[in-house]
Structure formats: structure tokens, C-alpha cells
Amino acid sequence: ANDAIMSAKMSIGVRKAELIQAEANLNAVQVALDNTMVRAPFDGVIVSRRSDTGAMANPAVALFRIEKNDPVRIIASVIEKDIDQIKAGKTRVMIHFDSIDAVYEAVADLVYPSIDVVSRTGRVEILLKNPESRLRTGMFAKLSFLLNTSSDVPIVSRDSLVRHNGQHFAYVIENGFAVKRQVMIGIIDENRVEIVSGLKPGEQIVARGLEFIREGSPVKVIESESDR
């Protein structure tokens, strides 16, 4: 009887060892299975694929390139003499994307503390919300940092500006003739546009009928009802 009991205990011990080994094997298989699932380190958009289905994977080669495009980070180079005027979290900037004919307003997010010794420029980063994914990596933009917030900055109606090849123009009235002049715009609201440069306070511009105006067209100033 004692021999039978001892044999049974030994059998139980062997079975426990086999169970432990089986659980270890199961864990190893589960880890191997988990390694077959490709997971991104963050939420984003796949912009390129560098491997095909069925190809041998190489740990040293990335399978995909992933980008987080909302918000987008814009990096600008600013000349040395102007960089000190830009303040992170305060300085407003107008961002012009000619390729999609869009203008956005944002605030400087980060101003780098160093200057590039070759280009003599400093770097400024701007974060811009991109909920509709209109902005893409690699796009070029023109930036206007609004350093002059004087109340003397001209404000004109949006209808008084002409847009061509990503640039804005106004027809300034000089000696009775329309002169086409390029302007740099600032803040935009529903009906009005701030002119950062290209137009002096007090200068008269053509506000209506721009489709009939060309460079050198004769113009007669007529007093509006609101001015009477």
C-alpha cells in the first residue's frame, strides 16, 4: 500500500512538472503570436509602406512610416535681427498655403535658443490644427509674423483684394489711375483683412468692381452714402 501511495505521489509530481512546462510553452507561443501583430507606437496615418505582404521581415527595417498630422508642426527660419521680436505663446503669425489657397492664423509655439552659424537664422515652431487633414507633410508655406500690432495698420474689405498665384494685390488710386500693388495680409475675419505691408494708412483703393479694373485704368472717386 505504501508503495502505491509513493508511486501515486511521484506521478502527481511528474504531472505538475509537465503542467508547468506546458504552461511555459503556451506562454512562449502566445508571445510569438503577439509578435506577429504589428502595432504602431502612436495613433496616426500611414504615409508609406516599405514591405510587401509575405515578405521576410527584418527588425532593422521599418515596415511603415506613420505620421500624426493633427496638429501639424510648422518649422520656419527667421533672420537673426528679427528672431528676438518673436515670443513663444504670444506672437501671432499668418500662414499662407498657396497650394491649397488657404490662410491660417496661429501663435508661435517654440523659439529655438540658438542661431545657425551658417545661415544666421533662428528656428521657430508653430503648431497648427489640421482636423480636415488639408495640410500635408512637406508642404511649403509663407509666414507673416505680426510684430506690428499698431492701430494704424490699414484694414480693408476682403472684396477689395485680388488673389493671384498665392499673392494678394490691391488697386491703389494714384492721380486718378488704378495702380496694382502687392500687399501682405494679416488677420482675417468674415469681412475685413488687416494689411501688414504694402498699403499706407489713408491711401485710397478700389473697393468694388475689381473685375473691370486693370493696371492703369482711370478711376474716379465717388463719395459713398456712408461718408455724406
Protein backbone atom coordinates (compact mmCIF):
# COMPACT_ATOMS: atom_id res chain seq x y z
CA ALA A 1 0.00 0.00 0.00
CA ASN A 2 2.83 2.37 0.87
CA ASP A 3 4.46 1.65 -2.47
CA ALA A 4 1.22 2.50 -4.26
CA ILE A 5 0.91 5.77 -2.35
CA MET A 6 4.52 6.73 -3.12
CA SER A 7 4.01 5.87 -6.77
CA ALA A 8 0.86 7.98 -6.90
CA LYS A 9 2.64 10.96 -5.29
CA MET A 10 5.52 10.66 -7.76
CA SER A 11 3.02 10.52 -10.61
CA ILE A 12 1.32 13.66 -9.32
CA GLY A 13 4.69 15.41 -9.10
CA VAL A 14 5.53 14.44 -12.67
CA ARG A 15 2.16 15.66 -13.90
CA LYS A 16 2.63 19.00 -12.09
CA ALA A 17 6.04 19.42 -13.72
CA GLU A 18 4.52 18.60 -17.09
CA LEU A 19 1.75 21.14 -16.44
CA ILE A 20 4.28 23.84 -15.57
CA GLN A 21 6.24 23.05 -18.73
CA ALA A 22 3.07 23.09 -20.82
CA GLU A 23 2.09 26.50 -19.40
CA ALA A 24 5.57 27.82 -20.17
CA ASN A 25 5.29 26.52 -23.73
CA LEU A 26 1.86 28.15 -24.04
CA ASN A 27 3.24 31.48 -22.85
CA ALA A 28 6.11 31.24 -25.34
CA VAL A 29 3.67 30.51 -28.16
CA GLN A 30 1.46 33.43 -27.05
CA VAL A 31 4.45 35.79 -27.07
CA ALA A 32 5.41 34.58 -30.54
CA LEU A 33 1.82 35.07 -31.69
CA ASP A 34 1.73 38.58 -30.23
CA ASN A 35 4.92 39.39 -32.12
CA THR A 36 3.13 38.69 -35.38
CA MET A 37 0.77 41.62 -34.67
CA VAL A 38 2.22 44.95 -35.84
CA ARG A 39 1.23 47.81 -33.52
CA ALA A 40 2.01 51.48 -34.02
CA PRO A 41 3.59 53.33 -31.09
CA PHE A 42 1.05 56.15 -31.51
CA ASP A 43 -2.16 56.97 -33.39
CA GLY A 44 -1.51 58.40 -36.82
CA VAL A 45 -1.77 57.96 -40.58
CA ILE A 46 0.28 55.54 -42.69
CA VAL A 47 2.04 57.63 -45.35
CA SER A 48 4.27 54.95 -46.86
CA ARG A 49 4.68 51.16 -46.85
CA ARG A 50 8.17 49.70 -47.04
CA SER A 51 7.38 45.97 -47.10
CA ASP A 52 5.00 43.72 -49.02
CA THR A 53 2.69 41.04 -47.67
CA GLY A 54 4.52 37.72 -47.39
CA ALA A 55 7.99 39.26 -47.45
CA MET A 56 10.54 38.34 -44.78
CA ALA A 57 10.54 40.97 -42.03
CA ASN A 58 13.83 42.49 -40.92
CA PRO A 59 13.92 44.01 -37.41
CA ALA A 60 16.28 46.71 -38.71
CA VAL A 61 13.88 47.85 -41.43
CA ALA A 62 10.67 49.78 -40.70
CA LEU A 63 7.52 48.30 -42.23
CA PHE A 64 5.59 51.57 -42.40
CA ARG A 65 6.08 55.28 -42.00
CA ILE A 66 3.45 56.80 -39.73
CA GLU A 67 2.72 60.46 -39.15
CA LYS A 68 0.50 62.29 -36.74
CA ASN A 69 -0.99 65.11 -38.79
CA ASP A 70 -3.25 66.86 -36.30
CA PRO A 71 -1.86 69.16 -35.23
CA VAL A 72 0.90 69.73 -37.78
CA ARG A 73 4.21 71.26 -36.75
CA ILE A 74 5.50 74.06 -38.97
CA ILE A 75 9.19 74.96 -38.76
CA ALA A 76 10.29 78.38 -40.02
CA SER A 77 13.69 80.05 -40.34
CA VAL A 78 13.76 83.67 -39.21
CA ILE A 79 16.66 86.05 -39.81
CA GLU A 80 18.83 86.87 -36.82
CA LYS A 81 17.77 90.51 -36.44
CA ASP A 82 14.07 89.59 -36.18
CA ILE A 83 14.17 86.43 -34.08
CA ASP A 84 14.33 88.33 -30.78
CA GLN A 85 10.99 90.01 -31.52
CA ILE A 86 9.15 86.68 -31.71
CA LYS A 87 7.82 85.41 -28.39
CA ALA A 88 6.63 81.85 -27.83
CA GLY A 89 2.96 81.76 -26.88
CA LYS A 90 2.44 85.42 -27.76
CA THR A 91 3.50 86.37 -31.29
CA ARG A 92 0.74 85.83 -33.83
CA VAL A 93 1.55 84.52 -37.29
CA MET A 94 -0.40 84.29 -40.53
CA ILE A 95 0.37 81.15 -42.53
CA HIS A 96 -0.29 81.22 -46.28
CA PHE A 97 -0.52 77.91 -48.18
CA ASP A 98 -0.55 78.75 -51.87
CA SER A 99 -1.01 75.14 -52.99
CA ILE A 100 -4.42 74.88 -51.33
CA ASP A 101 -5.24 78.59 -51.44
CA ALA A 102 -5.68 78.84 -47.68
CA VAL A 103 -4.60 81.19 -44.91
CA TYR A 104 -4.47 80.26 -41.22
CA GLU A 105 -3.75 82.20 -38.05
CA ALA A 106 -1.73 80.71 -35.20
CA VAL A 107 0.69 81.64 -32.41
CA ALA A 108 4.41 80.87 -32.25
CA ASP A 109 4.80 77.74 -30.13
CA LEU A 110 8.57 77.48 -29.70
CA VAL A 111 11.53 79.76 -30.43
CA TYR A 112 14.86 77.95 -30.56
CA PRO A 113 17.54 79.49 -28.29
CA SER A 114 20.37 79.16 -30.82
CA ILE A 115 21.24 80.69 -34.20
CA ASP A 116 22.51 78.67 -37.16
CA VAL A 117 26.13 79.73 -37.70
CA VAL A 118 25.92 79.29 -41.48
CA SER A 119 22.53 80.77 -42.41
CA ARG A 120 22.41 83.20 -39.44
CA THR A 121 18.78 82.30 -38.87
CA GLY A 122 16.82 81.05 -35.88
CA ARG A 123 14.11 78.43 -35.91
CA VAL A 124 10.52 78.96 -34.86
CA GLU A 125 7.93 76.21 -34.49
CA ILE A 126 4.20 76.69 -34.88
CA LEU A 127 1.52 74.13 -34.08
CA LEU A 128 -1.48 74.31 -36.38
CA LYS A 129 -4.71 72.34 -36.00
CA ASN A 130 -5.48 70.17 -39.01
CA PRO A 131 -8.82 68.41 -38.34
CA GLU A 132 -9.67 68.03 -42.05
CA SER A 133 -6.16 66.82 -42.99
CA ARG A 134 -5.80 69.50 -45.65
CA LEU A 135 -2.22 70.15 -44.60
CA ARG A 136 0.33 67.54 -45.63
CA THR A 137 3.90 66.84 -44.66
CA GLY A 138 6.38 68.62 -46.92
CA MET A 139 4.08 71.46 -47.97
CA PHE A 140 5.58 74.94 -48.25
CA ALA A 141 4.04 77.98 -46.60
CA LYS A 142 4.67 81.71 -46.38
CA LEU A 143 4.65 83.05 -42.83
CA SER A 144 3.90 86.60 -41.71
CA PHE A 145 4.79 87.27 -38.09
CA LEU A 146 2.60 90.09 -36.79
CA LEU A 147 5.17 92.16 -34.96
CA ASN A 148 3.40 95.47 -35.60
CA THR A 149 0.01 95.49 -33.89
CA SER A 150 -0.47 99.25 -34.09
CA SER A 151 -3.98 100.56 -34.58
CA ASP A 152 -2.60 102.45 -37.60
CA VAL A 153 -2.39 99.22 -39.62
CA PRO A 154 -4.83 99.55 -42.57
CA ILE A 155 -7.99 97.44 -42.53
CA VAL A 156 -9.74 96.80 -45.85
CA SER A 157 -12.70 94.76 -47.02
CA ARG A 158 -11.98 91.26 -48.33
CA ASP A 159 -13.70 92.16 -51.60
CA SER A 160 -11.14 94.90 -52.28
CA LEU A 161 -8.26 92.42 -52.70
CA VAL A 162 -7.30 90.36 -55.72
CA ARG A 163 -5.56 87.00 -55.27
CA HIS A 164 -3.24 85.68 -57.98
CA ASN A 165 -0.67 82.87 -57.77
CA GLY A 166 -0.90 82.85 -54.00
CA GLN A 167 -0.27 86.60 -53.68
CA HIS A 168 -2.64 89.40 -52.72
CA PHE A 169 -3.00 92.70 -54.56
CA ALA A 170 -4.92 95.92 -54.11
CA TYR A 171 -5.61 98.61 -56.70
CA VAL A 172 -4.36 101.86 -55.18
CA ILE A 173 -5.72 105.10 -56.62
CA GLU A 174 -2.85 107.38 -57.64
CA ASN A 175 -3.53 110.59 -59.60
CA GLY A 176 -6.83 109.24 -60.86
CA PHE A 177 -5.48 105.90 -62.06
CA ALA A 178 -5.52 102.39 -60.62
CA VAL A 179 -2.08 101.06 -59.66
CA LYS A 180 -1.84 97.36 -58.86
CA ARG A 181 0.20 96.86 -55.70
CA GLN A 182 1.13 93.67 -53.87
CA VAL A 183 0.18 93.61 -50.19
CA MET A 184 0.87 91.28 -47.29
CA ILE A 185 -2.22 90.40 -45.32
CA GLY A 186 -2.52 89.84 -41.60
CA ILE A 187 -5.56 88.94 -39.53
CA ILE A 188 -8.67 87.98 -41.48
CA ASP A 189 -12.23 87.99 -40.21
CA GLU A 190 -15.50 87.42 -42.02
CA ASN A 191 -15.47 90.67 -44.00
CA ARG A 192 -12.22 92.52 -43.28
CA VAL A 193 -8.50 91.98 -43.76
CA GLU A 194 -5.56 93.54 -41.94
CA ILE A 195 -2.82 94.80 -44.30
CA VAL A 196 0.58 94.20 -42.73
CA SER A 197 2.61 95.81 -45.52
CA GLY A 198 2.15 97.32 -48.97
CA LEU A 199 -0.52 99.86 -48.08
CA LYS A 200 -0.18 103.05 -46.06
CA PRO A 201 -2.92 104.40 -43.78
CA GLY A 202 -5.05 106.91 -45.66
CA GLU A 203 -4.32 105.60 -49.15
CA GLN A 204 -7.41 105.09 -51.28
CA ILE A 205 -8.04 101.78 -53.01
CA VAL A 206 -10.64 100.45 -55.40
CA ALA A 207 -13.23 98.64 -53.29
CA ARG A 208 -15.77 97.49 -55.88
CA GLY A 209 -15.93 96.35 -59.47
CA LEU A 210 -12.45 94.84 -59.44
CA GLU A 211 -13.38 92.55 -62.33
CA PHE A 212 -13.45 95.64 -64.57
CA ILE A 213 -10.21 97.19 -63.28
CA ARG A 214 -6.78 96.76 -64.82
CA GLU A 215 -3.39 98.36 -64.18
CA GLY A 216 -3.64 101.98 -65.33
CA SER A 217 -7.44 102.10 -65.54
CA PRO A 218 -8.80 105.62 -64.94
CA VAL A 219 -10.65 105.83 -61.64
CA LYS A 220 -12.99 108.49 -60.28
CA VAL A 221 -13.56 108.64 -56.54
CA ILE A 222 -17.25 108.91 -55.66
CA GLU A 223 -18.41 109.78 -52.17
CA SER A 224 -20.42 106.92 -50.66
CA GLU A 225 -23.70 107.35 -48.82
CA SER A 226 -21.99 106.49 -45.52
CA ASP A 227 -19.49 109.33 -46.00
CA ARG A 228 -22.14 112.01 -46.51
